[in-house]
Amino acid sequence: MKAQVIRSFEKDVRSIRDKKLKVRLGETLAQIAMAKELAELSDVVPMSGHPGFYRIRIGEYRLGFYIQADTLILARFLHRREIYRFFP
């Protein structure tokens, strides 16, 4: 599955200081890169009320992404209290 990163995701990741969280994020990104379809990913939950938008739980953080033209676009990586305010 092709994955694309947008600027807001990069900014969110740069602001994270927890090394263990970054390692877990790296593992999840590797899993995304190896997956051929969305069903192969674990812990994917569709965002209610927003078709095509999904989230993955990584500790107390959420990885928000959407699918556009067979490309998975990584949009946000925020704390659970903030993700629903800024994504989608």
N, C-alpha and C. Protein backbone atom coordinates (compact mmCIF):
# COMPACT_ATOMS: atom_id res chain seq x y z
N MET A 1 0.85 -1.18 0.00
CA MET A 1 0.00 0.00 0.00
C MET A 1 0.90 1.24 0.00
N LYS A 2 0.61 2.15 -0.90
CA LYS A 2 1.38 3.38 -0.94
C LYS A 2 0.96 4.28 0.21
N ALA A 3 1.93 4.89 0.85
CA ALA A 3 1.65 5.81 1.95
C ALA A 3 2.30 7.15 1.64
N GLN A 4 1.62 8.20 2.01
CA GLN A 4 2.11 9.56 1.79
C GLN A 4 1.98 10.32 3.10
N VAL A 5 2.95 11.15 3.38
CA VAL A 5 2.98 11.94 4.61
C VAL A 5 2.75 13.40 4.26
N ILE A 6 1.87 14.07 5.02
CA ILE A 6 1.67 15.49 4.79
C ILE A 6 2.34 16.29 5.91
N ARG A 7 2.48 17.56 5.70
CA ARG A 7 3.24 18.43 6.59
C ARG A 7 2.75 18.42 8.04
N SER A 8 1.46 18.39 8.26
CA SER A 8 0.92 18.41 9.62
C SER A 8 1.35 17.17 10.40
N PHE A 9 1.44 16.02 9.74
CA PHE A 9 1.90 14.80 10.39
C PHE A 9 3.37 14.93 10.79
N GLU A 10 4.19 15.44 9.89
CA GLU A 10 5.62 15.63 10.19
C GLU A 10 5.80 16.57 11.38
N LYS A 11 5.03 17.64 11.42
CA LYS A 11 5.12 18.60 12.52
C LYS A 11 4.71 17.95 13.84
N ASP A 12 3.65 17.15 13.82
CA ASP A 12 3.20 16.46 15.03
C ASP A 12 4.28 15.50 15.55
N VAL A 13 4.91 14.77 14.66
CA VAL A 13 5.93 13.80 15.07
C VAL A 13 7.16 14.51 15.62
N ARG A 14 7.54 15.62 15.01
CA ARG A 14 8.70 16.37 15.52
C ARG A 14 8.48 16.90 16.93
N SER A 15 7.24 17.16 17.30
CA SER A 15 6.95 17.72 18.62
C SER A 15 6.94 16.65 19.73
N ILE A 16 6.96 15.37 19.37
CA ILE A 16 6.96 14.28 20.35
C ILE A 16 8.36 14.11 20.91
N ARG A 17 8.46 14.07 22.25
CA ARG A 17 9.77 13.90 22.91
C ARG A 17 9.97 12.50 23.48
N ASP A 18 8.90 11.73 23.62
CA ASP A 18 8.96 10.40 24.21
C ASP A 18 9.59 9.41 23.22
N LYS A 19 10.76 8.87 23.55
CA LYS A 19 11.49 7.97 22.66
C LYS A 19 10.72 6.66 22.43
N LYS A 20 10.12 6.12 23.51
CA LYS A 20 9.38 4.86 23.37
C LYS A 20 8.18 5.02 22.44
N LEU A 21 7.52 6.15 22.53
CA LEU A 21 6.38 6.42 21.65
C LEU A 21 6.83 6.50 20.20
N LYS A 22 7.97 7.12 19.96
CA LYS A 22 8.48 7.20 18.59
C LYS A 22 8.84 5.82 18.04
N VAL A 23 9.35 4.95 18.91
CA VAL A 23 9.67 3.59 18.47
C VAL A 23 8.38 2.86 18.09
N ARG A 24 7.34 2.99 18.91
CA ARG A 24 6.06 2.35 18.60
C ARG A 24 5.45 2.92 17.32
N LEU A 25 5.62 4.22 17.10
CA LEU A 25 5.14 4.83 15.86
C LEU A 25 5.90 4.26 14.67
N GLY A 26 7.21 4.10 14.81
CA GLY A 26 8.02 3.52 13.73
C GLY A 26 7.59 2.11 13.40
N GLU A 27 7.26 1.32 14.41
CA GLU A 27 6.77 -0.04 14.18
C GLU A 27 5.45 -0.02 13.42
N THR A 28 4.58 0.89 13.79
CA THR A 28 3.29 1.01 13.11
C THR A 28 3.48 1.46 11.66
N LEU A 29 4.39 2.39 11.43
CA LEU A 29 4.65 2.85 10.06
C LEU A 29 5.24 1.73 9.21
N ALA A 30 6.09 0.89 9.81
CA ALA A 30 6.64 -0.26 9.09
C ALA A 30 5.53 -1.24 8.73
N GLN A 31 4.59 -1.43 9.65
CA GLN A 31 3.45 -2.31 9.39
C GLN A 31 2.60 -1.76 8.25
N ILE A 32 2.42 -0.45 8.21
CA ILE A 32 1.66 0.19 7.13
C ILE A 32 2.36 -0.01 5.79
N ALA A 33 3.69 0.14 5.79
CA ALA A 33 4.46 0.01 4.55
C ALA A 33 4.39 -1.41 3.99
N MET A 34 4.31 -2.40 4.88
CA MET A 34 4.29 -3.79 4.44
C MET A 34 2.88 -4.27 4.05
N ALA A 35 1.86 -3.58 4.48
CA ALA A 35 0.48 -4.00 4.22
C ALA A 35 0.10 -3.74 2.77
N LYS A 36 -0.65 -4.66 2.21
CA LYS A 36 -1.13 -4.49 0.84
C LYS A 36 -2.53 -3.88 0.81
N GLU A 37 -3.27 -4.06 1.91
CA GLU A 37 -4.61 -3.48 2.00
C GLU A 37 -4.90 -3.11 3.45
N LEU A 38 -5.92 -2.33 3.65
CA LEU A 38 -6.27 -1.81 4.97
C LEU A 38 -6.62 -2.91 5.96
N ALA A 39 -7.18 -4.00 5.51
CA ALA A 39 -7.59 -5.10 6.39
C ALA A 39 -6.39 -5.78 7.07
N GLU A 40 -5.20 -5.63 6.54
CA GLU A 40 -4.00 -6.24 7.11
C GLU A 40 -3.47 -5.47 8.32
N LEU A 41 -3.91 -4.25 8.51
CA LEU A 41 -3.44 -3.43 9.62
C LEU A 41 -4.25 -3.73 10.88
N SER A 42 -3.57 -3.72 12.02
CA SER A 42 -4.27 -3.98 13.28
C SER A 42 -4.67 -2.66 13.94
N ASP A 43 -5.73 -2.71 14.74
CA ASP A 43 -6.23 -1.57 15.52
C ASP A 43 -6.73 -0.40 14.68
N VAL A 44 -7.14 -0.63 13.46
CA VAL A 44 -7.69 0.44 12.63
C VAL A 44 -9.17 0.60 12.95
N VAL A 45 -9.56 1.83 13.26
CA VAL A 45 -10.95 2.13 13.59
C VAL A 45 -11.42 3.26 12.67
N PRO A 46 -12.56 3.06 11.98
CA PRO A 46 -13.07 4.16 11.14
C PRO A 46 -13.60 5.29 12.01
N MET A 47 -13.43 6.51 11.56
CA MET A 47 -13.93 7.68 12.28
C MET A 47 -15.43 7.80 11.99
N SER A 48 -16.23 7.82 13.03
CA SER A 48 -17.67 7.87 12.83
C SER A 48 -18.08 9.22 12.24
N GLY A 49 -18.93 9.15 11.24
CA GLY A 49 -19.42 10.36 10.60
C GLY A 49 -18.52 10.89 9.50
N HIS A 50 -17.37 10.24 9.29
CA HIS A 50 -16.42 10.70 8.27
C HIS A 50 -15.95 9.49 7.45
N PRO A 51 -16.65 9.14 6.40
CA PRO A 51 -16.25 7.98 5.60
C PRO A 51 -14.88 8.20 4.95
N GLY A 52 -14.06 7.16 5.00
CA GLY A 52 -12.73 7.23 4.40
C GLY A 52 -11.65 7.72 5.36
N PHE A 53 -12.01 8.12 6.58
CA PHE A 53 -11.06 8.59 7.58
C PHE A 53 -10.95 7.54 8.68
N TYR A 54 -9.71 7.28 9.12
CA TYR A 54 -9.44 6.22 10.09
C TYR A 54 -8.45 6.70 11.14
N ARG A 55 -8.35 5.90 12.23
CA ARG A 55 -7.36 6.18 13.26
C ARG A 55 -6.79 4.87 13.77
N ILE A 56 -5.56 4.94 14.27
CA ILE A 56 -4.90 3.81 14.91
C ILE A 56 -4.44 4.29 16.28
N ARG A 57 -4.74 3.50 17.29
CA ARG A 57 -4.36 3.83 18.67
C ARG A 57 -2.92 3.37 18.92
N ILE A 58 -2.10 4.31 19.39
CA ILE A 58 -0.73 4.02 19.79
C ILE A 58 -0.55 4.63 21.17
N GLY A 59 -0.77 3.83 22.20
CA GLY A 59 -0.73 4.34 23.57
C GLY A 59 -1.82 5.37 23.77
N GLU A 60 -1.46 6.52 24.28
CA GLU A 60 -2.43 7.60 24.47
C GLU A 60 -2.52 8.52 23.26
N TYR A 61 -1.83 8.16 22.19
CA TYR A 61 -1.84 8.96 20.97
C TYR A 61 -2.64 8.25 19.89
N ARG A 62 -3.08 9.01 18.91
CA ARG A 62 -3.83 8.48 17.79
C ARG A 62 -3.19 8.93 16.48
N LEU A 63 -3.06 7.99 15.57
CA LEU A 63 -2.55 8.25 14.23
C LEU A 63 -3.75 8.39 13.31
N GLY A 64 -4.00 9.58 12.81
CA GLY A 64 -5.14 9.84 11.93
C GLY A 64 -4.70 9.80 10.48
N PHE A 65 -5.45 9.05 9.67
CA PHE A 65 -5.13 8.96 8.24
C PHE A 65 -6.40 8.80 7.43
N TYR A 66 -6.27 9.01 6.13
CA TYR A 66 -7.38 8.81 5.22
C TYR A 66 -6.86 8.19 3.94
N ILE A 67 -7.78 7.64 3.18
CA ILE A 67 -7.42 6.97 1.94
C ILE A 67 -7.99 7.77 0.77
N GLN A 68 -7.10 8.04 -0.19
CA GLN A 68 -7.49 8.83 -1.36
C GLN A 68 -6.83 8.21 -2.58
N ALA A 69 -7.63 7.72 -3.49
CA ALA A 69 -7.14 7.15 -4.75
C ALA A 69 -6.08 6.07 -4.50
N ASP A 70 -6.40 5.09 -3.67
CA ASP A 70 -5.54 3.95 -3.35
C ASP A 70 -4.22 4.36 -2.69
N THR A 71 -4.18 5.51 -2.05
CA THR A 71 -3.02 5.98 -1.31
C THR A 71 -3.44 6.29 0.12
N LEU A 72 -2.70 5.76 1.08
CA LEU A 72 -2.96 6.03 2.48
C LEU A 72 -2.20 7.30 2.85
N ILE A 73 -2.90 8.32 3.28
CA ILE A 73 -2.28 9.61 3.58
C ILE A 73 -2.27 9.82 5.08
N LEU A 74 -1.07 9.87 5.66
CA LEU A 74 -0.89 10.09 7.09
C LEU A 74 -1.07 11.58 7.37
N ALA A 75 -2.11 11.90 8.14
CA ALA A 75 -2.48 13.31 8.32
C ALA A 75 -2.06 13.87 9.67
N ARG A 76 -2.36 13.18 10.79
CA ARG A 76 -2.09 13.72 12.12
C ARG A 76 -1.61 12.62 13.07
N PHE A 77 -0.83 13.02 14.08
CA PHE A 77 -0.42 12.15 15.17
C PHE A 77 -0.49 12.98 16.44
N LEU A 78 -1.62 12.87 17.15
CA LEU A 78 -1.89 13.73 18.29
C LEU A 78 -2.35 12.92 19.50
N HIS A 79 -2.29 13.57 20.66
CA HIS A 79 -2.80 12.97 21.90
C HIS A 79 -4.29 12.72 21.74
N ARG A 80 -4.82 11.76 22.48
CA ARG A 80 -6.22 11.37 22.31
C ARG A 80 -7.20 12.49 22.60
N ARG A 81 -6.85 13.44 23.45
CA ARG A 81 -7.78 14.53 23.73
C ARG A 81 -7.76 15.60 22.63
N GLU A 82 -6.75 15.58 21.78
CA GLU A 82 -6.63 16.60 20.73
C GLU A 82 -7.00 16.09 19.34
N ILE A 83 -6.88 14.80 19.10
CA ILE A 83 -7.06 14.28 17.73
C ILE A 83 -8.45 14.58 17.20
N TYR A 84 -9.47 14.48 18.04
CA TYR A 84 -10.84 14.67 17.57
C TYR A 84 -11.17 16.14 17.33
N ARG A 85 -10.34 17.02 17.85
CA ARG A 85 -10.52 18.46 17.62
C ARG A 85 -9.90 18.89 16.29
N PHE A 86 -8.79 18.23 15.90
CA PHE A 86 -8.05 18.66 14.71
C PHE A 86 -8.13 17.71 13.52
N PHE A 87 -8.72 16.53 13.71
CA PHE A 87 -8.81 15.55 12.63
C PHE A 87 -10.19 14.94 12.66
N PRO A 88 -10.87 14.75 11.61
CA PRO A 88 -10.63 15.14 10.24
C PRO A 88 -10.93 16.56 10.05
